Amino acid sequence: MSEHESKLENAIAHKNVGEYDLAEAEFQEVLREDPKCAEAHHQLGLVYAFTGKFDESLEELKRAVELEPQSTQYLNDLALTYAMIGMNEEAKATFEAVLRINPDDPVAKKNLAYF
């Protein structure tokens, strides 16, 4: 495992136990070294969502999707964040984008039922 992968895994571990300040700092460090690390953008976006920084969250999640547009996980998390803050049209369109990639995606199918 590279030092980069190790830092990313460490940051994810902090996020998973609710140490959001540490996780945020480590994801930002990973992104300073590799600005095109989609997973770091994705995870940082989740940290921001968990801590109520929704503008920053959407920015990071959109960046992750730009870097890996076929990632249904990234798209679903972006759509869920849109839904959480009441951006229902954006959420619906993003869940529909997931289903164009994977028509059987359970997260998108379940959540589209709400719209």
PDB file of N, CA and C in Angstrom:
ATOM      1  N   MET A   1       0.842  -1.184   0.000  1.00  0.00           N
ATOM      2  CA  MET A   1       0.000   0.000   0.000  1.00  0.00           C
ATOM      3  C   MET A   1       0.884   1.243   0.000  1.00  0.00           C
ATOM      4  N   SER A   2       0.530   2.183  -0.865  1.00  0.00           N
ATOM      5  CA  SER A   2       1.306   3.423  -0.936  1.00  0.00           C
ATOM      6  C   SER A   2       1.002   4.312   0.270  1.00  0.00           C
ATOM      7  N   GLU A   3       1.863   5.297   0.478  1.00  0.00           N
ATOM      8  CA  GLU A   3       1.633   6.255   1.562  1.00  0.00           C
ATOM      9  C   GLU A   3       0.313   6.995   1.335  1.00  0.00           C
ATOM     10  N   HIS A   4       0.030   7.311   0.063  1.00  0.00           N
ATOM     11  CA  HIS A   4      -1.212   7.992  -0.318  1.00  0.00           C
ATOM     12  C   HIS A   4      -2.426   7.149   0.089  1.00  0.00           C
ATOM     13  N   GLU A   5      -2.413   5.853  -0.263  1.00  0.00           N
ATOM     14  CA  GLU A   5      -3.526   4.964   0.083  1.00  0.00           C
ATOM     15  C   GLU A   5      -3.665   4.824   1.590  1.00  0.00           C
ATOM     16  N   SER A   6      -2.544   4.784   2.273  1.00  0.00           N
ATOM     17  CA  SER A   6      -2.540   4.675   3.725  1.00  0.00           C
ATOM     18  C   SER A   6      -3.192   5.906   4.363  1.00  0.00           C
ATOM     19  N   LYS A   7      -2.856   7.093   3.868  1.00  0.00           N
ATOM     20  CA  LYS A   7      -3.452   8.336   4.384  1.00  0.00           C
ATOM     21  C   LYS A   7      -4.957   8.343   4.135  1.00  0.00           C
ATOM     22  N   LEU A   8      -5.354   7.898   2.950  1.00  0.00           N
ATOM     23  CA  LEU A   8      -6.771   7.863   2.602  1.00  0.00           C
ATOM     24  C   LEU A   8      -7.515   6.907   3.527  1.00  0.00           C
ATOM     25  N   GLU A   9      -6.970   5.718   3.739  1.00  0.00           N
ATOM     26  CA  GLU A   9      -7.605   4.747   4.635  1.00  0.00           C
ATOM     27  C   GLU A   9      -7.681   5.271   6.063  1.00  0.00           C
ATOM     28  N   ASN A  10      -6.644   5.943   6.512  1.00  0.00           N
ATOM     29  CA  ASN A  10      -6.619   6.521   7.855  1.00  0.00           C
ATOM     30  C   ASN A  10      -7.711   7.586   7.998  1.00  0.00           C
ATOM     31  N   ALA A  11      -7.851   8.421   6.988  1.00  0.00           N
ATOM     32  CA  ALA A  11      -8.880   9.467   7.010  1.00  0.00           C
ATOM     33  C   ALA A  11     -10.277   8.845   7.045  1.00  0.00           C
ATOM     34  N   ILE A  12     -10.487   7.791   6.251  1.00  0.00           N
ATOM     35  CA  ILE A  12     -11.786   7.103   6.235  1.00  0.00           C
ATOM     36  C   ILE A  12     -12.074   6.501   7.610  1.00  0.00           C
ATOM     37  N   ALA A  13     -11.052   5.944   8.243  1.00  0.00           N
ATOM     38  CA  ALA A  13     -11.223   5.365   9.585  1.00  0.00           C
ATOM     39  C   ALA A  13     -11.663   6.444  10.572  1.00  0.00           C
ATOM     40  N   HIS A  14     -11.058   7.633  10.495  1.00  0.00           N
ATOM     41  CA  HIS A  14     -11.469   8.739  11.372  1.00  0.00           C
ATOM     42  C   HIS A  14     -12.924   9.117  11.105  1.00  0.00           C
ATOM     43  N   LYS A  15     -13.293   9.197   9.828  1.00  0.00           N
ATOM     44  CA  LYS A  15     -14.675   9.534   9.464  1.00  0.00           C
ATOM     45  C   LYS A  15     -15.642   8.508  10.041  1.00  0.00           C
ATOM     46  N   ASN A  16     -15.284   7.238   9.917  1.00  0.00           N
ATOM     47  CA  ASN A  16     -16.192   6.165  10.332  1.00  0.00           C
ATOM     48  C   ASN A  16     -16.460   6.138  11.828  1.00  0.00           C
ATOM     49  N   VAL A  17     -15.551   6.705  12.630  1.00  0.00           N
ATOM     50  CA  VAL A  17     -15.771   6.740  14.079  1.00  0.00           C
ATOM     51  C   VAL A  17     -16.196   8.136  14.551  1.00  0.00           C
ATOM     52  N   GLY A  18     -16.522   9.018  13.588  1.00  0.00           N
ATOM     53  CA  GLY A  18     -17.056  10.323  13.944  1.00  0.00           C
ATOM     54  C   GLY A  18     -16.023  11.372  14.286  1.00  0.00           C
ATOM     55  N   GLU A  19     -14.757  11.115  13.981  1.00  0.00           N
ATOM     56  CA  GLU A  19     -13.697  12.111  14.216  1.00  0.00           C
ATOM     57  C   GLU A  19     -13.579  12.987  12.966  1.00  0.00           C
ATOM     58  N   TYR A  20     -14.592  13.826  12.798  1.00  0.00           N
ATOM     59  CA  TYR A  20     -14.727  14.552  11.529  1.00  0.00           C
ATOM     60  C   TYR A  20     -13.652  15.605  11.310  1.00  0.00           C
ATOM     61  N   ASP A  21     -13.210  16.281  12.373  1.00  0.00           N
ATOM     62  CA  ASP A  21     -12.155  17.285  12.207  1.00  0.00           C
ATOM     63  C   ASP A  21     -10.870  16.636  11.708  1.00  0.00           C
ATOM     64  N   LEU A  22     -10.499  15.512  12.318  1.00  0.00           N
ATOM     65  CA  LEU A  22      -9.293  14.792  11.882  1.00  0.00           C
ATOM     66  C   LEU A  22      -9.460  14.279  10.456  1.00  0.00           C
ATOM     67  N   ALA A  23     -10.623  13.713  10.174  1.00  0.00           N
ATOM     68  CA  ALA A  23     -10.876  13.181   8.837  1.00  0.00           C
ATOM     69  C   ALA A  23     -10.784  14.289   7.794  1.00  0.00           C
ATOM     70  N   GLU A  24     -11.425  15.424   8.081  1.00  0.00           N
ATOM     71  CA  GLU A  24     -11.402  16.544   7.133  1.00  0.00           C
ATOM     72  C   GLU A  24      -9.967  16.981   6.834  1.00  0.00           C
ATOM     73  N   ALA A  25      -9.170  17.132   7.870  1.00  0.00           N
ATOM     74  CA  ALA A  25      -7.776  17.560   7.684  1.00  0.00           C
ATOM     75  C   ALA A  25      -6.999  16.544   6.852  1.00  0.00           C
ATOM     76  N   GLU A  26      -7.218  15.259   7.112  1.00  0.00           N
ATOM     77  CA  GLU A  26      -6.475  14.230   6.372  1.00  0.00           C
ATOM     78  C   GLU A  26      -6.935  14.131   4.923  1.00  0.00           C
ATOM     79  N   PHE A  27      -8.241  14.244   4.678  1.00  0.00           N
ATOM     80  CA  PHE A  27      -8.705  14.228   3.283  1.00  0.00           C
ATOM     81  C   PHE A  27      -8.141  15.430   2.531  1.00  0.00           C
ATOM     82  N   GLN A  28      -8.099  16.588   3.186  1.00  0.00           N
ATOM     83  CA  GLN A  28      -7.539  17.771   2.521  1.00  0.00           C
ATOM     84  C   GLN A  28      -6.062  17.576   2.216  1.00  0.00           C
ATOM     85  N   GLU A  29      -5.342  16.903   3.111  1.00  0.00           N
ATOM     86  CA  GLU A  29      -3.929  16.623   2.848  1.00  0.00           C
ATOM     87  C   GLU A  29      -3.774  15.687   1.647  1.00  0.00           C
ATOM     88  N   VAL A  30      -4.613  14.650   1.590  1.00  0.00           N
ATOM     89  CA  VAL A  30      -4.579  13.735   0.441  1.00  0.00           C
ATOM     90  C   VAL A  30      -4.833  14.525  -0.844  1.00  0.00           C
ATOM     91  N   LEU A  31      -5.802  15.439  -0.810  1.00  0.00           N
ATOM     92  CA  LEU A  31      -6.146  16.200  -2.011  1.00  0.00           C
ATOM     93  C   LEU A  31      -5.084  17.219  -2.386  1.00  0.00           C
ATOM     94  N   ARG A  32      -4.318  17.706  -1.417  1.00  0.00           N
ATOM     95  CA  ARG A  32      -3.181  18.577  -1.756  1.00  0.00           C
ATOM     96  C   ARG A  32      -2.148  17.785  -2.557  1.00  0.00           C
ATOM     97  N   GLU A  33      -1.948  16.529  -2.178  1.00  0.00           N
ATOM     98  CA  GLU A  33      -0.977  15.672  -2.877  1.00  0.00           C
ATOM     99  C   GLU A  33      -1.531  15.165  -4.208  1.00  0.00           C
ATOM    100  N   ASP A  34      -2.835  14.887  -4.238  1.00  0.00           N
ATOM    101  CA  ASP A  34      -3.465  14.326  -5.435  1.00  0.00           C
ATOM    102  C   ASP A  34      -4.856  14.938  -5.610  1.00  0.00           C
ATOM    103  N   PRO A  35      -4.936  16.110  -6.259  1.00  0.00           N
ATOM    104  CA  PRO A  35      -6.218  16.801  -6.412  1.00  0.00           C
ATOM    105  C   PRO A  35      -7.255  16.016  -7.215  1.00  0.00           C
ATOM    106  N   LYS A  36      -6.823  14.971  -7.905  1.00  0.00           N
ATOM    107  CA  LYS A  36      -7.753  14.187  -8.728  1.00  0.00           C
ATOM    108  C   LYS A  36      -8.150  12.873  -8.066  1.00  0.00           C
ATOM    109  N   CYS A  37      -7.969  12.772  -6.763  1.00  0.00           N
ATOM    110  CA  CYS A  37      -8.359  11.568  -6.034  1.00  0.00           C
ATOM    111  C   CYS A  37      -9.867  11.625  -5.781  1.00  0.00           C
ATOM    112  N   ALA A  38     -10.625  10.942  -6.632  1.00  0.00           N
ATOM    113  CA  ALA A  38     -12.088  10.991  -6.544  1.00  0.00           C
ATOM    114  C   ALA A  38     -12.590  10.502  -5.190  1.00  0.00           C
ATOM    115  N   GLU A  39     -11.990   9.445  -4.669  1.00  0.00           N
ATOM    116  CA  GLU A  39     -12.458   8.900  -3.389  1.00  0.00           C
ATOM    117  C   GLU A  39     -12.251   9.897  -2.252  1.00  0.00           C
ATOM    118  N   ALA A  40     -11.165  10.655  -2.271  1.00  0.00           N
ATOM    119  CA  ALA A  40     -10.944  11.668  -1.235  1.00  0.00           C
ATOM    120  C   ALA A  40     -11.989  12.779  -1.348  1.00  0.00           C
ATOM    121  N   HIS A  41     -12.316  13.199  -2.578  1.00  0.00           N
ATOM    122  CA  HIS A  41     -13.369  14.209  -2.755  1.00  0.00           C
ATOM    123  C   HIS A  41     -14.704  13.662  -2.241  1.00  0.00           C
ATOM    124  N   HIS A  42     -14.994  12.409  -2.578  1.00  0.00           N
ATOM    125  CA  HIS A  42     -16.241  11.769  -2.153  1.00  0.00           C
ATOM    126  C   HIS A  42     -16.335  11.723  -0.629  1.00  0.00           C
ATOM    127  N   GLN A  43     -15.297  11.221  -0.004  1.00  0.00           N
ATOM    128  CA  GLN A  43     -15.303  11.075   1.454  1.00  0.00           C
ATOM    129  C   GLN A  43     -15.343  12.432   2.153  1.00  0.00           C
ATOM    130  N   LEU A  44     -14.621  13.413   1.631  1.00  0.00           N
ATOM    131  CA  LEU A  44     -14.647  14.753   2.217  1.00  0.00           C
ATOM    132  C   LEU A  44     -16.055  15.341   2.077  1.00  0.00           C
ATOM    133  N   GLY A  45     -16.693  15.085   0.949  1.00  0.00           N
ATOM    134  CA  GLY A  45     -18.077  15.528   0.766  1.00  0.00           C
ATOM    135  C   GLY A  45     -19.005  14.936   1.806  1.00  0.00           C
ATOM    136  N   LEU A  46     -18.796  13.664   2.144  1.00  0.00           N
ATOM    137  CA  LEU A  46     -19.614  13.028   3.186  1.00  0.00           C
ATOM    138  C   LEU A  46     -19.344  13.664   4.540  1.00  0.00           C
ATOM    139  N   VAL A  47     -18.087  13.914   4.851  1.00  0.00           N
ATOM    140  CA  VAL A  47     -17.743  14.568   6.125  1.00  0.00           C
ATOM    141  C   VAL A  47     -18.450  15.918   6.211  1.00  0.00           C
ATOM    142  N   TYR A  48     -18.388  16.688   5.136  1.00  0.00           N
ATOM    143  CA  TYR A  48     -19.046  17.991   5.135  1.00  0.00           C
ATOM    144  C   TYR A  48     -20.558  17.845   5.340  1.00  0.00           C
ATOM    145  N   ALA A  49     -21.167  16.849   4.718  1.00  0.00           N
ATOM    146  CA  ALA A  49     -22.608  16.634   4.897  1.00  0.00           C
ATOM    147  C   ALA A  49     -22.914  16.296   6.355  1.00  0.00           C
ATOM    148  N   PHE A  50     -22.094  15.427   6.942  1.00  0.00           N
ATOM    149  CA  PHE A  50     -22.318  15.014   8.335  1.00  0.00           C
ATOM    150  C   PHE A  50     -22.186  16.189   9.298  1.00  0.00           C
ATOM    151  N   THR A  51     -21.391  17.194   8.917  1.00  0.00           N
ATOM    152  CA  THR A  51     -21.142  18.326   9.818  1.00  0.00           C
ATOM    153  C   THR A  51     -21.939  19.568   9.410  1.00  0.00           C
ATOM    154  N   GLY A  52     -22.885  19.405   8.483  1.00  0.00           N
ATOM    155  CA  GLY A  52     -23.775  20.502   8.126  1.00  0.00           C
ATOM    156  C   GLY A  52     -23.214  21.515   7.154  1.00  0.00           C
ATOM    157  N   LYS A  53     -22.078  21.219   6.536  1.00  0.00           N
ATOM    158  CA  LYS A  53     -21.483  22.134   5.540  1.00  0.00           C
ATOM    159  C   LYS A  53     -21.961  21.702   4.149  1.00  0.00           C
ATOM    160  N   PHE A  54     -23.231  21.998   3.849  1.00  0.00           N
ATOM    161  CA  PHE A  54     -23.840  21.420   2.655  1.00  0.00           C
ATOM    162  C   PHE A  54     -23.313  21.987   1.348  1.00  0.00           C
ATOM    163  N   ASP A  55     -22.999  23.284   1.302  1.00  0.00           N
ATOM    164  CA  ASP A  55     -22.424  23.843   0.066  1.00  0.00           C
ATOM    165  C   ASP A  55     -21.106  23.157  -0.254  1.00  0.00           C
ATOM    166  N   GLU A  56     -20.259  23.014   0.766  1.00  0.00           N
ATOM    167  CA  GLU A  56     -18.966  22.345   0.579  1.00  0.00           C
ATOM    168  C   GLU A  56     -19.168  20.872   0.220  1.00  0.00           C
ATOM    169  N   SER A  57     -20.162  20.252   0.856  1.00  0.00           N
ATOM    170  CA  SER A  57     -20.445  18.856   0.578  1.00  0.00           C
ATOM    171  C   SER A  57     -20.803  18.650  -0.889  1.00  0.00           C
ATOM    172  N   LEU A  58     -21.734  19.459  -1.384  1.00  0.00           N
ATOM    173  CA  LEU A  58     -22.143  19.333  -2.788  1.00  0.00           C
ATOM    174  C   LEU A  58     -20.973  19.578  -3.728  1.00  0.00           C
ATOM    175  N   GLU A  59     -20.150  20.551  -3.398  1.00  0.00           N
ATOM    176  CA  GLU A  59     -18.982  20.857  -4.240  1.00  0.00           C
ATOM    177  C   GLU A  59     -18.054  19.639  -4.335  1.00  0.00           C
ATOM    178  N   GLU A  60     -17.762  19.021  -3.196  1.00  0.00           N
ATOM    179  CA  GLU A  60     -16.848  17.868  -3.192  1.00  0.00           C
ATOM    180  C   GLU A  60     -17.482  16.651  -3.867  1.00  0.00           C
ATOM    181  N   LEU A  61     -18.768  16.407  -3.607  1.00  0.00           N
ATOM    182  CA  LEU A  61     -19.426  15.253  -4.227  1.00  0.00           C
ATOM    183  C   LEU A  61     -19.525  15.426  -5.737  1.00  0.00           C
ATOM    184  N   LYS A  62     -19.810  16.646  -6.189  1.00  0.00           N
ATOM    185  CA  LYS A  62     -19.850  16.902  -7.641  1.00  0.00           C
ATOM    186  C   LYS A  62     -18.472  16.690  -8.264  1.00  0.00           C
ATOM    187  N   ARG A  63     -17.424  17.090  -7.550  1.00  0.00           N
ATOM    188  CA  ARG A  63     -16.057  16.891  -8.062  1.00  0.00           C
ATOM    189  C   ARG A  63     -15.753  15.410  -8.188  1.00  0.00           C
ATOM    190  N   ALA A  64     -16.162  14.618  -7.198  1.00  0.00           N
ATOM    191  CA  ALA A  64     -15.938  13.171  -7.271  1.00  0.00           C
ATOM    192  C   ALA A  64     -16.652  12.584  -8.489  1.00  0.00           C
ATOM    193  N   VAL A  65     -17.879  13.029  -8.732  1.00  0.00           N
ATOM    194  CA  VAL A  65     -18.647  12.548  -9.892  1.00  0.00           C
ATOM    195  C   VAL A  65     -17.987  12.989 -11.196  1.00  0.00           C
ATOM    196  N   GLU A  66     -17.467  14.212 -11.237  1.00  0.00           N
ATOM    197  CA  GLU A  66     -16.751  14.670 -12.441  1.00  0.00           C
ATOM    198  C   GLU A  66     -15.566  13.756 -12.737  1.00  0.00           C
ATOM    199  N   LEU A  67     -14.857  13.361 -11.686  1.00  0.00           N
ATOM    200  CA  LEU A  67     -13.657  12.533 -11.864  1.00  0.00           C
ATOM    201  C   LEU A  67     -14.002  11.085 -12.202  1.00  0.00           C
ATOM    202  N   GLU A  68     -15.123  10.582 -11.659  1.00  0.00           N
ATOM    203  CA  GLU A  68     -15.555   9.206 -11.925  1.00  0.00           C
ATOM    204  C   GLU A  68     -17.051   9.186 -12.202  1.00  0.00           C
ATOM    205  N   PRO A  69     -17.447   9.620 -13.409  1.00  0.00           N
ATOM    206  CA  PRO A  69     -18.879   9.775 -13.710  1.00  0.00           C
ATOM    207  C   PRO A  69     -19.677   8.472 -13.727  1.00  0.00           C
ATOM    208  N   GLN A  70     -19.020   7.348 -13.775  1.00  0.00           N
ATOM    209  CA  GLN A  70     -19.735   6.070 -13.780  1.00  0.00           C
ATOM    210  C   GLN A  70     -19.912   5.480 -12.380  1.00  0.00           C
ATOM    211  N   SER A  71     -19.448   6.194 -11.359  1.00  0.00           N
ATOM    212  CA  SER A  71     -19.557   5.681  -9.992  1.00  0.00           C
ATOM    213  C   SER A  71     -20.964   5.887  -9.459  1.00  0.00           C
ATOM    214  N   THR A  72     -21.728   4.795  -9.368  1.00  0.00           N
ATOM    215  CA  THR A  72     -23.085   4.921  -8.836  1.00  0.00           C
ATOM    216  C   THR A  72     -23.059   5.277  -7.351  1.00  0.00           C
ATOM    217  N   GLN A  73     -22.029   4.876  -6.642  1.00  0.00           N
ATOM    218  CA  GLN A  73     -21.930   5.251  -5.230  1.00  0.00           C
ATOM    219  C   GLN A  73     -21.813   6.764  -5.084  1.00  0.00           C
ATOM    220  N   TYR A  74     -20.942   7.375  -5.869  1.00  0.00           N
ATOM    221  CA  TYR A  74     -20.761   8.817  -5.794  1.00  0.00           C
ATOM    222  C   TYR A  74     -22.052   9.539  -6.194  1.00  0.00           C
ATOM    223  N   LEU A  75     -22.678   9.061  -7.270  1.00  0.00           N
ATOM    224  CA  LEU A  75     -23.933   9.673  -7.724  1.00  0.00           C
ATOM    225  C   LEU A  75     -25.034   9.518  -6.679  1.00  0.00           C
ATOM    226  N   ASN A  76     -25.151   8.334  -6.094  1.00  0.00           N
ATOM    227  CA  ASN A  76     -26.175   8.130  -5.068  1.00  0.00           C
ATOM    228  C   ASN A  76     -25.950   9.047  -3.871  1.00  0.00           C
ATOM    229  N   ASP A  77     -24.706   9.171  -3.434  1.00  0.00           N
ATOM    230  CA  ASP A  77     -24.433  10.043  -2.286  1.00  0.00           C
ATOM    231  C   ASP A  77     -24.719  11.509  -2.630  1.00  0.00           C
ATOM    232  N   LEU A  78     -24.431  11.911  -3.855  1.00  0.00           N
ATOM    233  CA  LEU A  78     -24.768  13.265  -4.290  1.00  0.00           C
ATOM    234  C   LEU A  78     -26.289  13.445  -4.279  1.00  0.00           C
ATOM    235  N   ALA A  79     -27.008  12.475  -4.820  1.00  0.00           N
ATOM    236  CA  ALA A  79     -28.470  12.559  -4.864  1.00  0.00           C
ATOM    237  C   ALA A  79     -29.073  12.585  -3.464  1.00  0.00           C
ATOM    238  N   LEU A  80     -28.548  11.755  -2.572  1.00  0.00           N
ATOM    239  CA  LEU A  80     -29.046  11.730  -1.196  1.00  0.00           C
ATOM    240  C   LEU A  80     -28.798  13.064  -0.497  1.00  0.00           C
ATOM    241  N   THR A  81     -27.673  13.688  -0.783  1.00  0.00           N
ATOM    242  CA  THR A  81     -27.375  14.992  -0.190  1.00  0.00           C
ATOM    243  C   THR A  81     -28.327  16.043  -0.742  1.00  0.00           C
ATOM    244  N   TYR A  82     -28.568  16.016  -2.054  1.00  0.00           N
ATOM    245  CA  TYR A  82     -29.566  16.930  -2.631  1.00  0.00           C
ATOM    246  C   TYR A  82     -30.908  16.751  -1.911  1.00  0.00           C
ATOM    247  N   ALA A  83     -31.330  15.501  -1.758  1.00  0.00           N
ATOM    248  CA  ALA A  83     -32.627  15.220  -1.126  1.00  0.00           C
ATOM    249  C   ALA A  83     -32.661  15.730   0.320  1.00  0.00           C
ATOM    250  N   MET A  84     -31.564  15.546   1.011  1.00  0.00           N
ATOM    251  CA  MET A  84     -31.490  15.919   2.426  1.00  0.00           C
ATOM    252  C   MET A  84     -31.699  17.420   2.614  1.00  0.00           C
ATOM    253  N   ILE A  85     -31.255  18.225   1.639  1.00  0.00           N
ATOM    254  CA  ILE A  85     -31.379  19.671   1.793  1.00  0.00           C
ATOM    255  C   ILE A  85     -32.524  20.240   0.951  1.00  0.00           C
ATOM    256  N   GLY A  86     -33.392  19.359   0.447  1.00  0.00           N
ATOM    257  CA  GLY A  86     -34.600  19.807  -0.226  1.00  0.00           C
ATOM    258  C   GLY A  86     -34.459  20.153  -1.691  1.00  0.00           C
ATOM    259  N   MET A  87     -33.342  19.774  -2.306  1.00  0.00           N
ATOM    260  CA  MET A  87     -33.153  20.026  -3.740  1.00  0.00           C
ATOM    261  C   MET A  87     -33.691  18.806  -4.500  1.00  0.00           C
ATOM    262  N   ASN A  88     -35.028  18.690  -4.506  1.00  0.00           N
ATOM    263  CA  ASN A  88     -35.662  17.458  -4.973  1.00  0.00           C
ATOM    264  C   ASN A  88     -35.506  17.207  -6.462  1.00  0.00           C
ATOM    265  N   GLU A  89     -35.568  18.254  -7.281  1.00  0.00           N
ATOM    266  CA  GLU A  89     -35.404  18.052  -8.729  1.00  0.00           C
ATOM    267  C   GLU A  89     -34.009  17.527  -9.040  1.00  0.00           C
ATOM    268  N   GLU A  90     -32.994  18.106  -8.379  1.00  0.00           N
ATOM    269  CA  GLU A  90     -31.619  17.660  -8.582  1.00  0.00           C
ATOM    270  C   GLU A  90     -31.442  16.225  -8.093  1.00  0.00           C
ATOM    271  N   ALA A  91     -32.058  15.918  -6.961  1.00  0.00           N
ATOM    272  CA  ALA A  91     -31.963  14.559  -6.418  1.00  0.00           C
ATOM    273  C   ALA A  91     -32.576  13.562  -7.390  1.00  0.00           C
ATOM    274  N   LYS A  92     -33.777  13.862  -7.869  1.00  0.00           N
ATOM    275  CA  LYS A  92     -34.471  12.961  -8.800  1.00  0.00           C
ATOM    276  C   LYS A  92     -33.640  12.745 -10.065  1.00  0.00           C
ATOM    277  N   ALA A  93     -33.126  13.826 -10.630  1.00  0.00           N
ATOM    278  CA  ALA A  93     -32.330  13.717 -11.861  1.00  0.00           C
ATOM    279  C   ALA A  93     -31.066  12.890 -11.632  1.00  0.00           C
ATOM    280  N   THR A  94     -30.464  13.028 -10.447  1.00  0.00           N
ATOM    281  CA  THR A  94     -29.232  12.296 -10.163  1.00  0.00           C
ATOM    282  C   THR A  94     -29.522  10.820  -9.929  1.00  0.00           C
ATOM    283  N   PHE A  95     -30.614  10.508  -9.224  1.00  0.00           N
ATOM    284  CA  PHE A  95     -31.002   9.093  -9.079  1.00  0.00           C
ATOM    285  C   PHE A  95     -31.305   8.483 -10.445  1.00  0.00           C
ATOM    286  N   GLU A  96     -31.945   9.259 -11.337  1.00  0.00           N
ATOM    287  CA  GLU A  96     -32.225   8.757 -12.687  1.00  0.00           C
ATOM    288  C   GLU A  96     -30.923   8.493 -13.444  1.00  0.00           C
ATOM    289  N   ALA A  97     -29.901   9.326 -13.213  1.00  0.00           N
ATOM    290  CA  ALA A  97     -28.599   9.105 -13.846  1.00  0.00           C
ATOM    291  C   ALA A  97     -27.983   7.791 -13.361  1.00  0.00           C
ATOM    292  N   VAL A  98     -28.160   7.494 -12.078  1.00  0.00           N
ATOM    293  CA  VAL A  98     -27.668   6.213 -11.539  1.00  0.00           C
ATOM    294  C   VAL A  98     -28.331   5.062 -12.276  1.00  0.00           C
ATOM    295  N   LEU A  99     -29.642   5.142 -12.466  1.00  0.00           N
ATOM    296  CA  LEU A  99     -30.366   4.039 -13.108  1.00  0.00           C
ATOM    297  C   LEU A  99     -30.014   3.888 -14.587  1.00  0.00           C
ATOM    298  N   ARG A 100     -29.524   4.951 -15.219  1.00  0.00           N
ATOM    299  CA  ARG A 100     -29.038   4.808 -16.601  1.00  0.00           C
ATOM    300  C   ARG A 100     -27.753   3.986 -16.628  1.00  0.00           C
ATOM    301  N   ILE A 101     -26.968   4.075 -15.557  1.00  0.00           N
ATOM    302  CA  ILE A 101     -25.727   3.297 -15.459  1.00  0.00           C
ATOM    303  C   ILE A 101     -26.032   1.877 -14.994  1.00  0.00           C
ATOM    304  N   ASN A 102     -26.873   1.762 -13.963  1.00  0.00           N
ATOM    305  CA  ASN A 102     -27.235   0.460 -13.395  1.00  0.00           C
ATOM    306  C   ASN A 102     -28.732   0.456 -13.115  1.00  0.00           C
ATOM    307  N   PRO A 103     -29.527  -0.089 -14.053  1.00  0.00           N
ATOM    308  CA  PRO A 103     -30.987  -0.084 -13.896  1.00  0.00           C
ATOM    309  C   PRO A 103     -31.487  -0.819 -12.648  1.00  0.00           C
ATOM    310  N   ASP A 104     -30.650  -1.637 -12.045  1.00  0.00           N
ATOM    311  CA  ASP A 104     -31.067  -2.398 -10.865  1.00  0.00           C
ATOM    312  C   ASP A 104     -30.531  -1.824  -9.556  1.00  0.00           C
ATOM    313  N   ASP A 105     -29.951  -0.628  -9.598  1.00  0.00           N
ATOM    314  CA  ASP A 105     -29.360  -0.058  -8.383  1.00  0.00           C
ATOM    315  C   ASP A 105     -30.437   0.097  -7.301  1.00  0.00           C
ATOM    316  N   PRO A 106     -30.275  -0.607  -6.167  1.00  0.00           N
ATOM    317  CA  PRO A 106     -31.337  -0.590  -5.145  1.00  0.00           C
ATOM    318  C   PRO A 106     -31.507   0.759  -4.450  1.00  0.00           C
ATOM    319  N   VAL A 107     -30.427   1.488  -4.255  1.00  0.00           N
ATOM    320  CA  VAL A 107     -30.521   2.790  -3.576  1.00  0.00           C
ATOM    321  C   VAL A 107     -31.322   3.763  -4.442  1.00  0.00           C
ATOM    322  N   ALA A 108     -30.977   3.850  -5.702  1.00  0.00           N
ATOM    323  CA  ALA A 108     -31.668   4.782  -6.601  1.00  0.00           C
ATOM    324  C   ALA A 108     -33.126   4.369  -6.791  1.00  0.00           C
ATOM    325  N   LYS A 109     -33.388   3.069  -6.970  1.00  0.00           N
ATOM    326  CA  LYS A 109     -34.768   2.609  -7.166  1.00  0.00           C
ATOM    327  C   LYS A 109     -35.622   2.937  -5.948  1.00  0.00           C
ATOM    328  N   LYS A 110     -35.090   2.669  -4.763  1.00  0.00           N
ATOM    329  CA  LYS A 110     -35.836   2.925  -3.518  1.00  0.00           C
ATOM    330  C   LYS A 110     -36.120   4.416  -3.362  1.00  0.00           C
ATOM    331  N   ASN A 111     -35.115   5.245  -3.602  1.00  0.00           N
ATOM    332  CA  ASN A 111     -35.271   6.671  -3.375  1.00  0.00           C
ATOM    333  C   ASN A 111     -36.107   7.365  -4.444  1.00  0.00           C
ATOM    334  N   LEU A 112     -36.079   6.864  -5.669  1.00  0.00           N
ATOM    335  CA  LEU A 112     -36.915   7.469  -6.712  1.00  0.00           C
ATOM    336  C   LEU A 112     -38.386   7.280  -6.406  1.00  0.00           C
ATOM    337  N   ALA A 113     -38.724   6.261  -5.647  1.00  0.00           N
ATOM    338  CA  ALA A 113     -40.111   6.029  -5.277  1.00  0.00           C
ATOM    339  C   ALA A 113     -40.691   7.201  -4.474  1.00  0.00           C
ATOM    340  N   TYR A 114     -39.826   7.985  -3.827  1.00  0.00           N
ATOM    341  CA  TYR A 114     -40.289   9.125  -3.033  1.00  0.00           C
ATOM    342  C   TYR A 114     -40.628  10.330  -3.887  1.00  0.00           C
ATOM    343  N   PHE A 115     -40.200  10.345  -5.151  1.00  0.00           N
ATOM    344  CA  PHE A 115     -40.392  11.540  -5.978  1.00  0.00           C
ATOM    345  C   PHE A 115     -41.532  11.365  -6.951  1.00  0.00           C
TER     346      PHE A 115
END
